PDB file of N, CA and C in Angstrom:
ATOM      1  N   MET A   1       0.068 -17.367  -4.321  1.00  0.00           N
ATOM      2  CA  MET A   1       0.026 -15.919  -4.399  1.00  0.00           C
ATOM      3  C   MET A   1       0.693 -15.479  -5.699  1.00  0.00           C
ATOM      4  N   THR A   2       0.098 -14.511  -6.353  1.00  0.00           N
ATOM      5  CA  THR A   2       0.608 -14.008  -7.620  1.00  0.00           C
ATOM      6  C   THR A   2       1.794 -13.068  -7.399  1.00  0.00           C
ATOM      7  N   THR A   3       2.692 -13.013  -8.387  1.00  0.00           N
ATOM      8  CA  THR A   3       3.806 -12.065  -8.329  1.00  0.00           C
ATOM      9  C   THR A   3       3.439 -10.763  -9.019  1.00  0.00           C
ATOM     10  N   ASN A   4       2.247 -10.700  -9.615  1.00  0.00           N
ATOM     11  CA  ASN A   4       1.794  -9.497 -10.287  1.00  0.00           C
ATOM     12  C   ASN A   4       1.519  -8.419  -9.236  1.00  0.00           C
ATOM     13  N   PRO A   5       2.168  -7.244  -9.335  1.00  0.00           N
ATOM     14  CA  PRO A   5       1.940  -6.210  -8.327  1.00  0.00           C
ATOM     15  C   PRO A   5       0.545  -5.585  -8.417  1.00  0.00           C
ATOM     16  N   PHE A   6      -0.150  -5.780  -9.542  1.00  0.00           N
ATOM     17  CA  PHE A   6      -1.508  -5.262  -9.743  1.00  0.00           C
ATOM     18  C   PHE A   6      -2.371  -6.363 -10.356  1.00  0.00           C
ATOM     19  N   PRO A   7      -2.739  -7.384  -9.557  1.00  0.00           N
ATOM     20  CA  PRO A   7      -3.500  -8.497 -10.120  1.00  0.00           C
ATOM     21  C   PRO A   7      -4.876  -8.054 -10.620  1.00  0.00           C
ATOM     22  N   GLU A   8      -5.332  -8.695 -11.674  1.00  0.00           N
ATOM     23  CA  GLU A   8      -6.632  -8.361 -12.250  1.00  0.00           C
ATOM     24  C   GLU A   8      -7.764  -8.933 -11.397  1.00  0.00           C
ATOM     25  N   VAL A   9      -8.776  -8.120 -11.155  1.00  0.00           N
ATOM     26  CA  VAL A   9      -9.977  -8.563 -10.443  1.00  0.00           C
ATOM     27  C   VAL A   9     -11.192  -8.146 -11.260  1.00  0.00           C
ATOM     28  N   SER A  10     -12.309  -8.827 -11.007  1.00  0.00           N
ATOM     29  CA  SER A  10     -13.535  -8.473 -11.729  1.00  0.00           C
ATOM     30  C   SER A  10     -14.648  -8.009 -10.800  1.00  0.00           C
ATOM     31  N   SER A  11     -14.418  -8.115  -9.470  1.00  0.00           N
ATOM     32  CA  SER A  11     -15.421  -7.650  -8.513  1.00  0.00           C
ATOM     33  C   SER A  11     -14.750  -7.268  -7.201  1.00  0.00           C
ATOM     34  N   GLY A  12     -15.465  -6.483  -6.404  1.00  0.00           N
ATOM     35  CA  GLY A  12     -14.942  -6.062  -5.104  1.00  0.00           C
ATOM     36  C   GLY A  12     -14.694  -7.215  -4.159  1.00  0.00           C
ATOM     37  N   GLU A  13     -15.470  -8.290  -4.296  1.00  0.00           N
ATOM     38  CA  GLU A  13     -15.279  -9.452  -3.418  1.00  0.00           C
ATOM     39  C   GLU A  13     -13.897 -10.072  -3.604  1.00  0.00           C
ATOM     40  N   GLU A  14     -13.342  -9.978  -4.797  1.00  0.00           N
ATOM     41  CA  GLU A  14     -12.028 -10.560  -5.065  1.00  0.00           C
ATOM     42  C   GLU A  14     -10.903  -9.811  -4.356  1.00  0.00           C
ATOM     43  N   LEU A  15     -11.145  -8.582  -3.942  1.00  0.00           N
ATOM     44  CA  LEU A  15     -10.096  -7.808  -3.274  1.00  0.00           C
ATOM     45  C   LEU A  15      -9.669  -8.435  -1.954  1.00  0.00           C
ATOM     46  N   ASP A  16     -10.559  -9.210  -1.327  1.00  0.00           N
ATOM     47  CA  ASP A  16     -10.198  -9.876  -0.073  1.00  0.00           C
ATOM     48  C   ASP A  16      -9.095 -10.903  -0.274  1.00  0.00           C
ATOM     49  N   ASP A  17      -8.937 -11.392  -1.517  1.00  0.00           N
ATOM     50  CA  ASP A  17      -7.929 -12.407  -1.811  1.00  0.00           C
ATOM     51  C   ASP A  17      -6.606 -11.809  -2.276  1.00  0.00           C
ATOM     52  N   VAL A  18      -6.540 -10.495  -2.407  1.00  0.00           N
ATOM     53  CA  VAL A  18      -5.342  -9.817  -2.893  1.00  0.00           C
ATOM     54  C   VAL A  18      -4.517  -9.353  -1.697  1.00  0.00           C
ATOM     55  N   TRP A  19      -3.193  -9.442  -1.818  1.00  0.00           N
ATOM     56  CA  TRP A  19      -2.296  -9.018  -0.748  1.00  0.00           C
ATOM     57  C   TRP A  19      -2.540  -7.559  -0.404  1.00  0.00           C
ATOM     58  N   ALA A  20      -2.535  -7.248   0.885  1.00  0.00           N
ATOM     59  CA  ALA A  20      -2.708  -5.878   1.356  1.00  0.00           C
ATOM     60  C   ALA A  20      -1.490  -5.470   2.174  1.00  0.00           C
ATOM     61  N   GLY A  21      -1.043  -4.252   1.964  1.00  0.00           N
ATOM     62  CA  GLY A  21       0.034  -3.688   2.769  1.00  0.00           C
ATOM     63  C   GLY A  21      -0.553  -2.798   3.848  1.00  0.00           C
ATOM     64  N   HIS A  22       0.013  -2.848   5.042  1.00  0.00           N
ATOM     65  CA  HIS A  22      -0.456  -2.032   6.160  1.00  0.00           C
ATOM     66  C   HIS A  22       0.657  -1.051   6.520  1.00  0.00           C
ATOM     67  N   TYR A  23       0.290   0.221   6.653  1.00  0.00           N
ATOM     68  CA  TYR A  23       1.268   1.283   6.850  1.00  0.00           C
ATOM     69  C   TYR A  23       0.814   2.235   7.942  1.00  0.00           C
ATOM     70  N   VAL A  24       1.796   2.953   8.535  1.00  0.00           N
ATOM     71  CA  VAL A  24       1.511   4.095   9.397  1.00  0.00           C
ATOM     72  C   VAL A  24       2.109   5.302   8.684  1.00  0.00           C
ATOM     73  N   GLU A  25       1.366   6.400   8.705  1.00  0.00           N
ATOM     74  CA  GLU A  25       1.743   7.575   7.934  1.00  0.00           C
ATOM     75  C   GLU A  25       1.641   8.832   8.787  1.00  0.00           C
ATOM     76  N   CYS A  26       2.635   9.705   8.660  1.00  0.00           N
ATOM     77  CA  CYS A  26       2.599  11.015   9.301  1.00  0.00           C
ATOM     78  C   CYS A  26       1.885  11.971   8.362  1.00  0.00           C
ATOM     79  N   VAL A  27       0.869  12.637   8.861  1.00  0.00           N
ATOM     80  CA  VAL A  27       0.116  13.579   8.032  1.00  0.00           C
ATOM     81  C   VAL A  27       0.926  14.858   7.791  1.00  0.00           C
ATOM     82  N   GLY A  28       1.830  15.183   8.703  1.00  0.00           N
ATOM     83  CA  GLY A  28       2.617  16.404   8.598  1.00  0.00           C
ATOM     84  C   GLY A  28       3.652  16.380   7.497  1.00  0.00           C
ATOM     85  N   CYS A  29       4.241  15.218   7.224  1.00  0.00           N
ATOM     86  CA  CYS A  29       5.299  15.162   6.214  1.00  0.00           C
ATOM     87  C   CYS A  29       5.094  14.012   5.225  1.00  0.00           C
ATOM     88  N   VAL A  30       4.079  13.260   5.422  1.00  0.00           N
ATOM     89  CA  VAL A  30       3.714  12.129   4.571  1.00  0.00           C
ATOM     90  C   VAL A  30       4.788  11.034   4.583  1.00  0.00           C
ATOM     91  N   ASP A  31       5.589  10.943   5.665  1.00  0.00           N
ATOM     92  CA  ASP A  31       6.424   9.761   5.861  1.00  0.00           C
ATOM     93  C   ASP A  31       5.474   8.585   6.029  1.00  0.00           C
ATOM     94  N   MET A  32       5.736   7.494   5.348  1.00  0.00           N
ATOM     95  CA  MET A  32       4.876   6.318   5.444  1.00  0.00           C
ATOM     96  C   MET A  32       5.771   5.089   5.512  1.00  0.00           C
ATOM     97  N   VAL A  33       5.582   4.276   6.538  1.00  0.00           N
ATOM     98  CA  VAL A  33       6.405   3.079   6.701  1.00  0.00           C
ATOM     99  C   VAL A  33       5.494   1.856   6.821  1.00  0.00           C
ATOM    100  N   PRO A  34       5.949   0.729   6.269  1.00  0.00           N
ATOM    101  CA  PRO A  34       5.139  -0.493   6.385  1.00  0.00           C
ATOM    102  C   PRO A  34       5.149  -1.027   7.805  1.00  0.00           C
ATOM    103  N   LEU A  35       4.025  -1.565   8.213  1.00  0.00           N
ATOM    104  CA  LEU A  35       3.918  -2.236   9.508  1.00  0.00           C
ATOM    105  C   LEU A  35       4.096  -3.729   9.278  1.00  0.00           C
ATOM    106  N   HIS A  36       5.032  -4.314   9.977  1.00  0.00           N
ATOM    107  CA  HIS A  36       5.299  -5.744   9.850  1.00  0.00           C
ATOM    108  C   HIS A  36       4.777  -6.466  11.077  1.00  0.00           C
ATOM    109  N   ASN A  37       4.330  -7.669  10.906  1.00  0.00           N
ATOM    110  CA  ASN A  37       3.847  -8.586  11.956  1.00  0.00           C
ATOM    111  C   ASN A  37       3.780  -8.014  13.364  1.00  0.00           C
ATOM    112  N   GLY A  38       2.682  -7.394  13.687  1.00  0.00           N
ATOM    113  CA  GLY A  38       2.443  -6.959  15.051  1.00  0.00           C
ATOM    114  C   GLY A  38       3.124  -5.677  15.478  1.00  0.00           C
ATOM    115  N   GLU A  39       3.800  -4.988  14.565  1.00  0.00           N
ATOM    116  CA  GLU A  39       4.422  -3.718  14.941  1.00  0.00           C
ATOM    117  C   GLU A  39       3.348  -2.723  15.371  1.00  0.00           C
ATOM    118  N   ASP A  40       3.681  -1.923  16.347  1.00  0.00           N
ATOM    119  CA  ASP A  40       2.742  -0.958  16.910  1.00  0.00           C
ATOM    120  C   ASP A  40       2.894   0.386  16.207  1.00  0.00           C
ATOM    121  N   PRO A  41       1.863   0.850  15.504  1.00  0.00           N
ATOM    122  CA  PRO A  41       1.973   2.138  14.816  1.00  0.00           C
ATOM    123  C   PRO A  41       2.144   3.309  15.786  1.00  0.00           C
ATOM    124  N   VAL A  42       1.632   3.188  16.994  1.00  0.00           N
ATOM    125  CA  VAL A  42       1.753   4.264  17.974  1.00  0.00           C
ATOM    126  C   VAL A  42       3.211   4.420  18.407  1.00  0.00           C
ATOM    127  N   GLU A  43       3.934   3.322  18.546  1.00  0.00           N
ATOM    128  CA  GLU A  43       5.352   3.404  18.916  1.00  0.00           C
ATOM    129  C   GLU A  43       6.144   4.131  17.829  1.00  0.00           C
ATOM    130  N   TRP A  44       5.857   3.812  16.550  1.00  0.00           N
ATOM    131  CA  TRP A  44       6.536   4.518  15.463  1.00  0.00           C
ATOM    132  C   TRP A  44       6.198   6.002  15.521  1.00  0.00           C
ATOM    133  N   ALA A  45       4.931   6.327  15.758  1.00  0.00           N
ATOM    134  CA  ALA A  45       4.491   7.726  15.824  1.00  0.00           C
ATOM    135  C   ALA A  45       5.203   8.472  16.954  1.00  0.00           C
ATOM    136  N   LYS A  46       5.362   7.827  18.099  1.00  0.00           N
ATOM    137  CA  LYS A  46       6.055   8.469  19.226  1.00  0.00           C
ATOM    138  C   LYS A  46       7.509   8.781  18.871  1.00  0.00           C
ATOM    139  N   LYS A  47       8.185   7.837  18.212  1.00  0.00           N
ATOM    140  CA  LYS A  47       9.577   8.073  17.795  1.00  0.00           C
ATOM    141  C   LYS A  47       9.641   9.211  16.775  1.00  0.00           C
ATOM    142  N   HIS A  48       8.708   9.208  15.850  1.00  0.00           N
ATOM    143  CA  HIS A  48       8.670  10.251  14.826  1.00  0.00           C
ATOM    144  C   HIS A  48       8.444  11.624  15.461  1.00  0.00           C
ATOM    145  N   THR A  49       7.520  11.703  16.406  1.00  0.00           N
ATOM    146  CA  THR A  49       7.225  12.968  17.086  1.00  0.00           C
ATOM    147  C   THR A  49       8.406  13.423  17.944  1.00  0.00           C
ATOM    148  N   ALA A  50       9.167  12.491  18.489  1.00  0.00           N
ATOM    149  CA  ALA A  50      10.352  12.867  19.267  1.00  0.00           C
ATOM    150  C   ALA A  50      11.370  13.585  18.391  1.00  0.00           C
ATOM    151  N   GLU A  51      11.453  13.202  17.108  1.00  0.00           N
ATOM    152  CA  GLU A  51      12.372  13.850  16.169  1.00  0.00           C
ATOM    153  C   GLU A  51      11.787  15.127  15.574  1.00  0.00           C
ATOM    154  N   ARG A  52      10.454  15.170  15.473  1.00  0.00           N
ATOM    155  CA  ARG A  52       9.758  16.319  14.867  1.00  0.00           C
ATOM    156  C   ARG A  52       8.558  16.663  15.741  1.00  0.00           C
ATOM    157  N   PRO A  53       8.747  17.413  16.814  1.00  0.00           N
ATOM    158  CA  PRO A  53       7.675  17.654  17.791  1.00  0.00           C
ATOM    159  C   PRO A  53       6.412  18.284  17.211  1.00  0.00           C
ATOM    160  N   TRP A  54       6.502  18.933  16.082  1.00  0.00           N
ATOM    161  CA  TRP A  54       5.330  19.554  15.474  1.00  0.00           C
ATOM    162  C   TRP A  54       4.533  18.562  14.622  1.00  0.00           C
ATOM    163  N   HIS A  55       5.023  17.345  14.448  1.00  0.00           N
ATOM    164  CA  HIS A  55       4.305  16.294  13.710  1.00  0.00           C
ATOM    165  C   HIS A  55       3.558  15.434  14.728  1.00  0.00           C
ATOM    166  N   THR A  56       2.276  15.682  14.870  1.00  0.00           N
ATOM    167  CA  THR A  56       1.501  15.000  15.909  1.00  0.00           C
ATOM    168  C   THR A  56       0.268  14.270  15.377  1.00  0.00           C
ATOM    169  N   ARG A  57       0.057  14.268  14.062  1.00  0.00           N
ATOM    170  CA  ARG A  57      -1.131  13.612  13.495  1.00  0.00           C
ATOM    171  C   ARG A  57      -0.699  12.482  12.572  1.00  0.00           C
ATOM    172  N   PHE A  58      -1.330  11.328  12.744  1.00  0.00           N
ATOM    173  CA  PHE A  58      -0.943  10.122  12.017  1.00  0.00           C
ATOM    174  C   PHE A  58      -2.182   9.382  11.539  1.00  0.00           C
ATOM    175  N   ARG A  59      -1.967   8.479  10.593  1.00  0.00           N
ATOM    176  CA  ARG A  59      -3.044   7.590  10.154  1.00  0.00           C
ATOM    177  C   ARG A  59      -2.448   6.234   9.816  1.00  0.00           C
ATOM    178  N   THR A  60      -3.253   5.210   9.961  1.00  0.00           N
ATOM    179  CA  THR A  60      -2.869   3.900   9.453  1.00  0.00           C
ATOM    180  C   THR A  60      -3.593   3.717   8.123  1.00  0.00           C
ATOM    181  N   THR A  61      -2.939   3.009   7.227  1.00  0.00           N
ATOM    182  CA  THR A  61      -3.459   2.830   5.880  1.00  0.00           C
ATOM    183  C   THR A  61      -3.311   1.374   5.467  1.00  0.00           C
ATOM    184  N   ARG A  62      -4.336   0.872   4.803  1.00  0.00           N
ATOM    185  CA  ARG A  62      -4.293  -0.468   4.204  1.00  0.00           C
ATOM    186  C   ARG A  62      -4.370  -0.249   2.704  1.00  0.00           C
ATOM    187  N   ILE A  63      -3.377  -0.751   1.967  1.00  0.00           N
ATOM    188  CA  ILE A  63      -3.323  -0.540   0.523  1.00  0.00           C
ATOM    189  C   ILE A  63      -3.431  -1.880  -0.192  1.00  0.00           C
ATOM    190  N   VAL A  64      -4.348  -1.953  -1.130  1.00  0.00           N
ATOM    191  CA  VAL A  64      -4.526  -3.125  -1.983  1.00  0.00           C
ATOM    192  C   VAL A  64      -4.386  -2.658  -3.430  1.00  0.00           C
ATOM    193  N   ASN A  65      -3.379  -3.165  -4.131  1.00  0.00           N
ATOM    194  CA  ASN A  65      -3.204  -2.855  -5.550  1.00  0.00           C
ATOM    195  C   ASN A  65      -4.009  -3.842  -6.373  1.00  0.00           C
ATOM    196  N   PHE A  66      -4.657  -3.361  -7.442  1.00  0.00           N
ATOM    197  CA  PHE A  66      -5.372  -4.251  -8.350  1.00  0.00           C
ATOM    198  C   PHE A  66      -5.548  -3.577  -9.694  1.00  0.00           C
ATOM    199  N   SER A  67      -5.932  -4.364 -10.695  1.00  0.00           N
ATOM    200  CA  SER A  67      -6.230  -3.826 -12.013  1.00  0.00           C
ATOM    201  C   SER A  67      -7.547  -4.427 -12.502  1.00  0.00           C
ATOM    202  N   VAL A  68      -8.115  -3.781 -13.495  1.00  0.00           N
ATOM    203  CA  VAL A  68      -9.318  -4.271 -14.162  1.00  0.00           C
ATOM    204  C   VAL A  68      -9.056  -4.255 -15.659  1.00  0.00           C
ATOM    205  N   THR A  69      -9.831  -5.027 -16.395  1.00  0.00           N
ATOM    206  CA  THR A  69      -9.680  -5.067 -17.842  1.00  0.00           C
ATOM    207  C   THR A  69     -10.450  -3.917 -18.463  1.00  0.00           C
ATOM    208  N   ALA A  70      -9.764  -3.162 -19.309  1.00  0.00           N
ATOM    209  CA  ALA A  70     -10.429  -2.098 -20.053  1.00  0.00           C
ATOM    210  C   ALA A  70     -11.146  -2.725 -21.247  1.00  0.00           C
ATOM    211  N   ASP A  71     -12.227  -2.109 -21.689  1.00  0.00           N
ATOM    212  CA  ASP A  71     -12.964  -2.630 -22.835  1.00  0.00           C
ATOM    213  C   ASP A  71     -12.115  -2.662 -24.101  1.00  0.00           C
ATOM    214  N   ASN A  72     -11.099  -1.803 -24.154  1.00  0.00           N
ATOM    215  CA  ASN A  72     -10.305  -1.703 -25.373  1.00  0.00           C
ATOM    216  C   ASN A  72      -8.820  -1.989 -25.165  1.00  0.00           C
ATOM    217  N   GLY A  73      -8.455  -2.735 -24.124  1.00  0.00           N
ATOM    218  CA  GLY A  73      -7.040  -3.017 -23.908  1.00  0.00           C
ATOM    219  C   GLY A  73      -6.817  -4.032 -22.815  1.00  0.00           C
ATOM    220  N   PRO A  74      -5.567  -4.424 -22.621  1.00  0.00           N
ATOM    221  CA  PRO A  74      -5.231  -5.437 -21.609  1.00  0.00           C
ATOM    222  C   PRO A  74      -5.236  -4.874 -20.195  1.00  0.00           C
ATOM    223  N   ALA A  75      -5.391  -5.750 -19.232  1.00  0.00           N
ATOM    224  CA  ALA A  75      -5.324  -5.358 -17.822  1.00  0.00           C
ATOM    225  C   ALA A  75      -3.878  -5.229 -17.392  1.00  0.00           C
ATOM    226  N   GLY A  76      -3.671  -4.595 -16.265  1.00  0.00           N
ATOM    227  CA  GLY A  76      -2.346  -4.557 -15.659  1.00  0.00           C
ATOM    228  C   GLY A  76      -1.588  -3.285 -15.959  1.00  0.00           C
ATOM    229  N   SER A  77      -0.276  -3.376 -15.794  1.00  0.00           N
ATOM    230  CA  SER A  77       0.611  -2.235 -15.940  1.00  0.00           C
ATOM    231  C   SER A  77       1.069  -2.104 -17.380  1.00  0.00           C
ATOM    232  N   PRO A  78       1.414  -0.895 -17.817  1.00  0.00           N
ATOM    233  CA  PRO A  78       1.986  -0.743 -19.146  1.00  0.00           C
ATOM    234  C   PRO A  78       3.266  -1.570 -19.260  1.00  0.00           C
ATOM    235  N   PRO A  79       3.551  -2.149 -20.430  1.00  0.00           N
ATOM    236  CA  PRO A  79       4.770  -2.950 -20.600  1.00  0.00           C
ATOM    237  C   PRO A  79       6.003  -2.161 -20.183  1.00  0.00           C
ATOM    238  N   GLY A  80       6.890  -2.807 -19.442  1.00  0.00           N
ATOM    239  CA  GLY A  80       8.138  -2.188 -19.038  1.00  0.00           C
ATOM    240  C   GLY A  80       8.072  -1.419 -17.737  1.00  0.00           C
ATOM    241  N   LEU A  81       6.864  -1.199 -17.177  1.00  0.00           N
ATOM    242  CA  LEU A  81       6.761  -0.443 -15.935  1.00  0.00           C
ATOM    243  C   LEU A  81       7.379  -1.214 -14.774  1.00  0.00           C
ATOM    244  N   PHE A  82       7.180  -2.525 -14.755  1.00  0.00           N
ATOM    245  CA  PHE A  82       7.754  -3.404 -13.734  1.00  0.00           C
ATOM    246  C   PHE A  82       8.567  -4.482 -14.454  1.00  0.00           C
ATOM    247  N   PRO A  83       9.750  -4.154 -14.984  1.00  0.00           N
ATOM    248  CA  PRO A  83      10.503  -5.119 -15.801  1.00  0.00           C
ATOM    249  C   PRO A  83      10.878  -6.393 -15.057  1.00  0.00           C
ATOM    250  N   ALA A  84      11.028  -6.351 -13.752  1.00  0.00           N
ATOM    251  CA  ALA A  84      11.407  -7.560 -13.011  1.00  0.00           C
ATOM    252  C   ALA A  84      10.276  -8.570 -12.973  1.00  0.00           C
ATOM    253  N   VAL A  85       9.054  -8.123 -13.220  1.00  0.00           N
ATOM    254  CA  VAL A  85       7.897  -9.014 -13.155  1.00  0.00           C
ATOM    255  C   VAL A  85       7.522  -9.504 -14.547  1.00  0.00           C
ATOM    256  N   SER A  86       7.929  -8.808 -15.593  1.00  0.00           N
ATOM    257  CA  SER A  86       7.537  -9.148 -16.965  1.00  0.00           C
ATOM    258  C   SER A  86       8.067 -10.496 -17.382  1.00  0.00           C
TER     259      SER A  86
END
């Protein structure tokens, strides 16, 4: 697995090989938390609604970061954006 937070891909098929993050998100306040190994998004939503009864709409999200090569420049993040990875 690559340590690049935005690995370069050349086609949509390659996205299946890129790490994906799974999240549950409150639509009312845009709180978004990662779901780890088997965590139930509905349980998180119930706890969130108990603290904020007017927040009753949620979504799950799968996020895949990637980059493509520009015709006139390098792929990836601008230098210095992720200094720990450089």
